[in-house]
C-alpha cells in the first residue's frame, strides 16, 4: 500500500440497499453525489475491490445485522454478506447477525451463521431493541448468541452511542450495559463500535480498559474530534481499531477519513497500531 502505513478499515457497511426502508435509505444516502455508483457497488464485489485499490485500503471489515423492524434488514443479510465476501479475495471480513429477540432458535441461527464463514456478529441495541446484557433478565437467546461466539472464536461487535434513524431506541445503546458481558464471557472478543459517541465516551473507555478482551473502534467519529472525545485514547493503544463507517453521511471517503486521522498529533507507533496492527492481530490476518 502507498503511504506511511497500510490500512485496515475495520468498520464499513456493504449492505443490501434493496432491503432498507425508503426513509432510512434516503437518510443514509444524504446528499452524496455518488449514490448510483454506491448502489451498484453494494452488489458488485469487483467494484468494491477497485474502489479499495483507488483508496489505498488493504482490507475492510463489513458490518451487516438483522433489523426488520427498524431498518428493514431481514435474516437474509447473512447470506448476502457471505456471498459478497467470497468474491473479495480475502480483502473483506464479513459480519452478520442473529436478532436477540426475534430469533426463534438462536443456536440454529448461530450455527448457520458460523457455517456461512462469517467472522463476527453485530448486536445493535438501538436497532434491535434490547439491552446487550438482557441475558441477565432471562433472555436466553442472547446468552446463546454470546456463548456460540465465544466457543467459535467469533468477534462480537456491539453498537454503542446514539442513532438518528427513525424508530431507533437509543436508551439501549449506553456502553455501560456491555460491562456485564466482560464479566460473564471473559474469553469473548468484544468491540464497542463508535466508542459510545457522542454521549457516553467515558463509559466506553472505562469498559474497554477494564476487560482484557474488549476493543473500541473509532468509526463515525469525525477524526478531528478524537482528542476532544477521547483525551486518554493513547492509554488503550493496543485496543483501538480504525473504522470510517463509510459510506455513512458525513464520511467523505475511507482514505479521506484515515488521512485526517494520520494528521493528528499522535505518535507514529500509535497511529500504526490503530490503522493496521490491532485489526491484524484481532482477526489473525
Protein backbone atom coordinates (compact mmCIF):
# COMPACT_ATOMS: atom_id res chain seq x y z
CA UNK A 1 0.00 0.00 0.00
CA UNK A 2 1.17 3.51 -0.73
CA UNK A 3 1.73 5.97 2.09
CA UNK A 4 3.37 5.60 5.51
CA UNK A 5 1.01 2.93 6.84
CA UNK A 6 -1.01 0.07 5.46
CA UNK A 7 -4.67 0.47 6.43
CA UNK A 8 -7.41 -1.91 7.52
CA UNK A 9 -10.74 -0.10 7.74
CA UNK A 10 -12.39 -2.15 10.48
CA UNK A 11 -15.90 -0.75 10.16
CA UNK A 12 -17.62 -0.10 6.85
CA UNK A 13 -21.06 -1.02 5.53
CA UNK A 14 -21.51 -3.06 2.37
CA UNK A 15 -25.21 -3.76 2.74
CA UNK A 16 -28.19 -4.88 0.63
CA UNK A 17 -29.67 -1.47 -0.04
CA UNK A 18 -32.74 -3.05 -1.66
CA UNK A 19 -33.84 -4.23 1.81
CA UNK A 20 -33.64 -0.85 3.53
CA UNK A 21 -36.78 1.12 4.24
CA UNK A 22 -37.07 4.07 1.85
CA UNK A 23 -36.95 6.76 4.54
CA UNK A 24 -33.89 5.21 6.13
CA UNK A 25 -32.10 4.72 2.81
CA UNK A 26 -32.64 8.37 1.94
CA UNK A 27 -31.09 9.34 5.26
CA UNK A 28 -28.11 7.03 4.66
CA UNK A 29 -27.52 8.44 1.19
CA UNK A 30 -27.76 12.03 2.32
CA UNK A 31 -26.59 14.49 -0.30
CA UNK A 32 -23.89 12.27 -1.77
CA UNK A 33 -23.19 12.70 -5.47
CA UNK A 34 -22.14 9.06 -5.90
CA UNK A 35 -25.36 7.32 -4.86
CA UNK A 36 -25.80 5.48 -8.16
CA UNK A 37 -22.25 4.15 -8.08
CA UNK A 38 -22.66 3.07 -4.46
CA UNK A 39 -25.97 1.34 -5.18
CA UNK A 40 -24.21 -0.70 -7.86
CA UNK A 41 -21.18 -1.39 -5.67
CA UNK A 42 -23.40 -2.94 -2.98
CA UNK A 43 -23.99 -5.85 -5.36
CA UNK A 44 -20.69 -5.87 -7.27
CA UNK A 45 -17.63 -7.08 -5.30
CA UNK A 46 -15.32 -6.33 -8.21
CA UNK A 47 -16.26 -2.67 -8.00
CA UNK A 48 -15.54 -2.63 -4.28
CA UNK A 49 -12.09 -4.12 -4.87
CA UNK A 50 -11.35 -1.48 -7.48
CA UNK A 51 -12.51 1.16 -5.02
CA UNK A 52 -10.25 -0.22 -2.29
CA UNK A 53 -7.30 -0.07 -4.67
CA UNK A 54 -8.13 3.52 -5.51
CA UNK A 55 -8.49 4.43 -1.83
CA UNK A 56 -5.32 2.50 -0.88
CA UNK A 57 -7.10 0.37 1.71
CA UNK A 58 -5.72 -3.14 2.19
CA UNK A 59 -8.72 -4.79 3.85
CA UNK A 60 -12.11 -3.87 5.26
CA UNK A 61 -14.49 -5.28 7.85
CA UNK A 62 -18.05 -5.03 6.57
CA UNK A 63 -20.91 -4.92 9.08
CA UNK A 64 -24.38 -6.33 8.50
CA UNK A 65 -27.10 -7.02 11.03
CA UNK A 66 -30.72 -8.15 11.24
CA UNK A 67 -33.22 -5.36 11.95
CA UNK A 68 -36.51 -5.81 10.11
CA UNK A 69 -38.50 -3.63 12.48
CA UNK A 70 -36.23 -0.58 12.38
CA UNK A 71 -34.05 -0.70 9.24
CA UNK A 72 -35.64 -3.38 7.07
CA UNK A 73 -32.78 -5.91 7.13
CA UNK A 74 -34.05 -9.48 7.29
CA UNK A 75 -32.15 -12.65 8.23
CA UNK A 76 -31.10 -12.86 4.57
CA UNK A 77 -28.38 -10.29 5.25
CA UNK A 78 -26.20 -13.15 6.50
CA UNK A 79 -26.33 -14.99 3.16
CA UNK A 80 -25.76 -11.68 1.36
CA UNK A 81 -22.69 -10.90 3.49
CA UNK A 82 -21.22 -14.37 2.99
CA UNK A 83 -21.73 -14.36 -0.79
CA UNK A 84 -20.23 -10.91 -1.16
CA UNK A 85 -17.16 -11.78 0.91
CA UNK A 86 -16.45 -14.94 -1.09
CA UNK A 87 -15.86 -12.77 -4.15
CA UNK A 88 -13.46 -10.35 -2.45
CA UNK A 89 -10.31 -12.47 -2.34
CA UNK A 90 -9.91 -12.20 1.41
CA UNK A 91 -9.98 -8.41 1.45
CA UNK A 92 -13.40 -8.19 3.10
CA UNK A 93 -14.07 -9.65 6.56
CA UNK A 94 -17.83 -10.15 6.91
CA UNK A 95 -20.03 -9.71 9.98
CA UNK A 96 -23.58 -10.98 10.25
CA UNK A 97 -26.20 -11.10 12.94
CA UNK A 98 -28.77 -13.07 14.90
CA UNK A 99 -31.57 -10.93 16.24
CA UNK A 100 -31.53 -11.13 20.06
CA UNK A 101 -35.30 -11.11 20.49
CA UNK A 102 -36.84 -12.14 17.16
CA UNK A 103 -34.88 -15.35 16.50
CA UNK A 104 -36.92 -18.50 17.08
CA UNK A 105 -33.85 -20.72 17.51
CA UNK A 106 -30.70 -18.84 18.43
CA UNK A 107 -28.43 -21.90 18.40
CA UNK A 108 -29.61 -22.97 14.95
CA UNK A 109 -29.23 -19.45 13.56
CA UNK A 110 -25.77 -19.09 15.06
CA UNK A 111 -24.73 -22.45 13.62
CA UNK A 112 -25.90 -21.30 10.18
CA UNK A 113 -24.01 -18.02 10.54
CA UNK A 114 -20.84 -19.87 11.51
CA UNK A 115 -21.22 -22.35 8.65
CA UNK A 116 -21.51 -19.43 6.22
CA UNK A 117 -18.00 -18.36 7.21
CA UNK A 118 -18.92 -15.05 8.82
CA UNK A 119 -16.20 -13.80 11.15
CA UNK A 120 -18.26 -11.83 13.62
CA UNK A 121 -21.69 -10.97 14.98
CA UNK A 122 -23.13 -7.49 15.24
CA UNK A 123 -25.57 -6.60 18.00
CA UNK A 124 -27.23 -3.23 17.52
CA UNK A 125 -29.15 -2.44 20.71
CA UNK A 126 -30.76 0.70 19.27
CA UNK A 127 -31.93 -1.08 16.07
CA UNK A 128 -32.66 -4.47 17.67
CA UNK A 129 -34.32 -3.00 20.76
CA UNK A 130 -32.68 -4.95 23.57
CA UNK A 131 -30.13 -4.21 26.27
CA UNK A 132 -26.87 -6.02 25.45
CA UNK A 133 -26.86 -7.58 28.92
CA UNK A 134 -30.50 -8.68 28.78
CA UNK A 135 -29.45 -12.30 29.24
CA UNK A 136 -29.27 -11.38 32.94
CA UNK A 137 -33.01 -10.72 32.78
CA UNK A 138 -33.88 -14.07 31.25
CA UNK A 139 -33.14 -13.52 27.55
CA UNK A 140 -31.74 -16.99 26.84
CA UNK A 141 -31.43 -16.21 23.11
CA UNK A 142 -28.87 -13.50 23.78
CA UNK A 143 -26.92 -15.77 26.10
CA UNK A 144 -26.78 -18.46 23.39
CA UNK A 145 -25.51 -15.91 20.85
CA UNK A 146 -22.67 -14.87 23.13
CA UNK A 147 -21.79 -18.44 24.11
CA UNK A 148 -21.61 -19.60 20.48
CA UNK A 149 -19.49 -16.56 19.57
CA UNK A 150 -17.12 -17.39 22.40
CA UNK A 151 -16.96 -21.10 21.52
CA UNK A 152 -16.42 -20.49 17.80
CA UNK A 153 -13.89 -17.69 18.22
CA UNK A 154 -16.09 -15.10 16.54
CA UNK A 155 -15.77 -11.41 17.31
CA UNK A 156 -18.79 -9.69 18.85
CA UNK A 157 -19.42 -6.07 17.86
CA UNK A 158 -21.92 -4.01 19.82
CA UNK A 159 -23.16 -0.63 18.65
CA UNK A 160 -22.70 1.96 21.39
CA UNK A 161 -23.84 5.54 21.11
CA UNK A 162 -26.82 7.22 19.57
CA UNK A 163 -28.58 6.56 16.27
CA UNK A 164 -30.54 9.14 14.29
CA UNK A 165 -32.58 6.65 12.27
CA UNK A 166 -36.37 6.78 12.74
CA UNK A 167 -37.51 4.27 15.31
CA UNK A 168 -34.10 3.81 16.94
CA UNK A 169 -34.25 3.20 20.70
CA UNK A 170 -31.15 4.93 22.00
CA UNK A 171 -31.75 4.07 25.64
CA UNK A 172 -30.38 0.58 24.91
CA UNK A 173 -27.06 1.79 23.47
CA UNK A 174 -25.26 3.02 26.60
CA UNK A 175 -21.92 1.10 26.71
CA UNK A 176 -22.15 0.50 30.47
CA UNK A 177 -24.58 -2.35 29.73
CA UNK A 178 -21.71 -4.14 27.98
CA UNK A 179 -19.71 -4.33 31.19
CA UNK A 180 -21.59 -7.47 32.26
CA UNK A 181 -20.52 -9.23 29.07
CA UNK A 182 -16.88 -8.84 30.02
CA UNK A 183 -17.61 -10.37 33.42
CA UNK A 184 -19.69 -13.29 32.15
CA UNK A 185 -17.90 -14.07 28.86
CA UNK A 186 -14.24 -13.29 29.59
CA UNK A 187 -12.87 -15.16 26.55
CA UNK A 188 -15.10 -13.33 24.07
CA UNK A 189 -13.52 -10.58 21.96
CA UNK A 190 -15.92 -7.63 22.09
CA UNK A 191 -15.74 -4.41 20.07
CA UNK A 192 -17.61 -1.35 21.32
CA UNK A 193 -18.40 0.29 18.00
CA UNK A 194 -18.25 4.10 17.90
CA UNK A 195 -16.93 4.37 21.46
CA UNK A 196 -20.29 5.49 22.84
CA UNK A 197 -20.26 8.75 20.94
CA UNK A 198 -21.49 11.44 21.41
CA UNK A 199 -22.83 10.94 24.95
CA UNK A 200 -21.03 8.06 26.65
CA UNK A 201 -17.35 8.16 25.65
CA UNK A 202 -16.01 7.98 29.22
CA UNK A 203 -18.15 4.92 29.93
CA UNK A 204 -16.87 3.21 26.79
CA UNK A 205 -13.28 3.94 27.79
CA UNK A 206 -13.89 2.52 31.26
CA UNK A 207 -15.38 -0.72 29.93
CA UNK A 208 -12.59 -1.20 27.37
CA UNK A 209 -9.88 -0.57 29.95
CA UNK A 210 -11.47 -2.93 32.44
CA UNK A 211 -11.82 -6.04 30.31
CA UNK A 212 -8.77 -7.65 28.64
CA UNK A 213 -10.66 -8.79 25.52
CA UNK A 214 -12.58 -5.58 24.89
CA UNK A 215 -11.79 -3.27 21.99
CA UNK A 216 -13.16 0.02 20.68
CA UNK A 217 -13.48 1.26 17.12
CA UNK A 218 -13.45 4.92 16.13
CA UNK A 219 -15.99 4.69 13.33
CA UNK A 220 -18.41 7.58 12.79
CA UNK A 221 -16.35 9.92 14.98
CA UNK A 222 -15.02 12.87 12.95
CA UNK A 223 -11.23 12.40 13.20
CA UNK A 224 -10.61 15.97 14.29
CA UNK A 225 -12.83 15.40 17.35
CA UNK A 226 -10.95 12.35 18.63
CA UNK A 227 -8.65 14.28 21.01
CA UNK A 228 -11.70 16.00 22.49
CA UNK A 229 -13.90 12.92 22.67
CA UNK A 230 -11.18 10.57 23.92
CA UNK A 231 -8.44 12.61 25.65
CA UNK A 232 -6.93 9.41 27.12
CA UNK A 233 -7.13 7.37 23.93
CA UNK A 234 -3.42 6.53 23.98
CA UNK A 235 -3.87 4.64 27.26
CA UNK A 236 -5.67 1.87 25.33
CA UNK A 237 -3.27 1.91 22.38
CA UNK A 238 -3.47 -1.86 21.83
CA UNK A 239 -7.29 -1.95 21.90
CA UNK A 240 -8.25 0.75 19.39
CA UNK A 241 -9.40 -0.07 15.86
CA UNK A 242 -9.66 2.34 12.96
CA UNK A 243 -13.02 2.50 11.20
CA UNK A 244 -14.60 5.04 8.89
CA UNK A 245 -18.28 3.93 8.89
CA UNK A 246 -18.17 4.52 5.13
CA UNK A 247 -20.39 5.28 3.23
CA UNK A 248 -22.38 6.87 6.06
CA UNK A 249 -23.42 10.53 5.66
CA UNK A 250 -20.62 12.86 6.65
CA UNK A 251 -17.89 10.36 5.74
CA UNK A 252 -16.15 11.77 2.66
CA UNK A 253 -14.32 8.51 1.99
CA UNK A 254 -12.26 5.77 3.58
CA UNK A 255 -8.97 7.34 2.52
CA UNK A 256 -10.08 10.91 3.28
CA UNK A 257 -11.02 9.95 6.84
CA UNK A 258 -7.88 7.95 7.56
CA UNK A 259 -5.73 10.73 6.14
CA UNK A 260 -7.39 13.16 8.55
CA UNK A 261 -6.60 10.81 11.42
CA UNK A 262 -2.98 10.49 10.34
CA UNK A 263 -2.51 14.28 10.56
CA UNK A 264 -3.36 14.29 14.27
CA UNK A 265 -0.60 14.76 16.84
CA UNK A 266 -0.39 11.13 17.91
CA UNK A 267 2.89 9.17 17.85
CA UNK A 268 3.51 7.15 14.69
CA UNK A 269 3.55 3.90 16.67
CA UNK A 270 0.06 4.66 17.98
CA UNK A 271 -1.23 5.50 14.50
CA UNK A 272 0.22 2.33 13.02
CA UNK A 273 -1.42 0.15 15.67
CA UNK A 274 -4.79 1.85 15.23
CA UNK A 275 -4.98 1.76 11.45
CA UNK A 276 -3.44 -1.68 10.93
CA UNK A 277 -1.67 -3.71 13.61
CA UNK A 278 -4.54 -4.06 16.08
CA UNK A 279 -7.04 -5.26 13.48
CA UNK A 280 -4.47 -7.65 12.05
CA UNK A 281 -3.98 -9.16 15.49
CA UNK A 282 -7.68 -9.33 16.37
CA UNK A 283 -8.67 -11.04 13.13
CA UNK A 284 -5.48 -13.16 12.94
CA UNK A 285 -4.65 -11.88 9.46
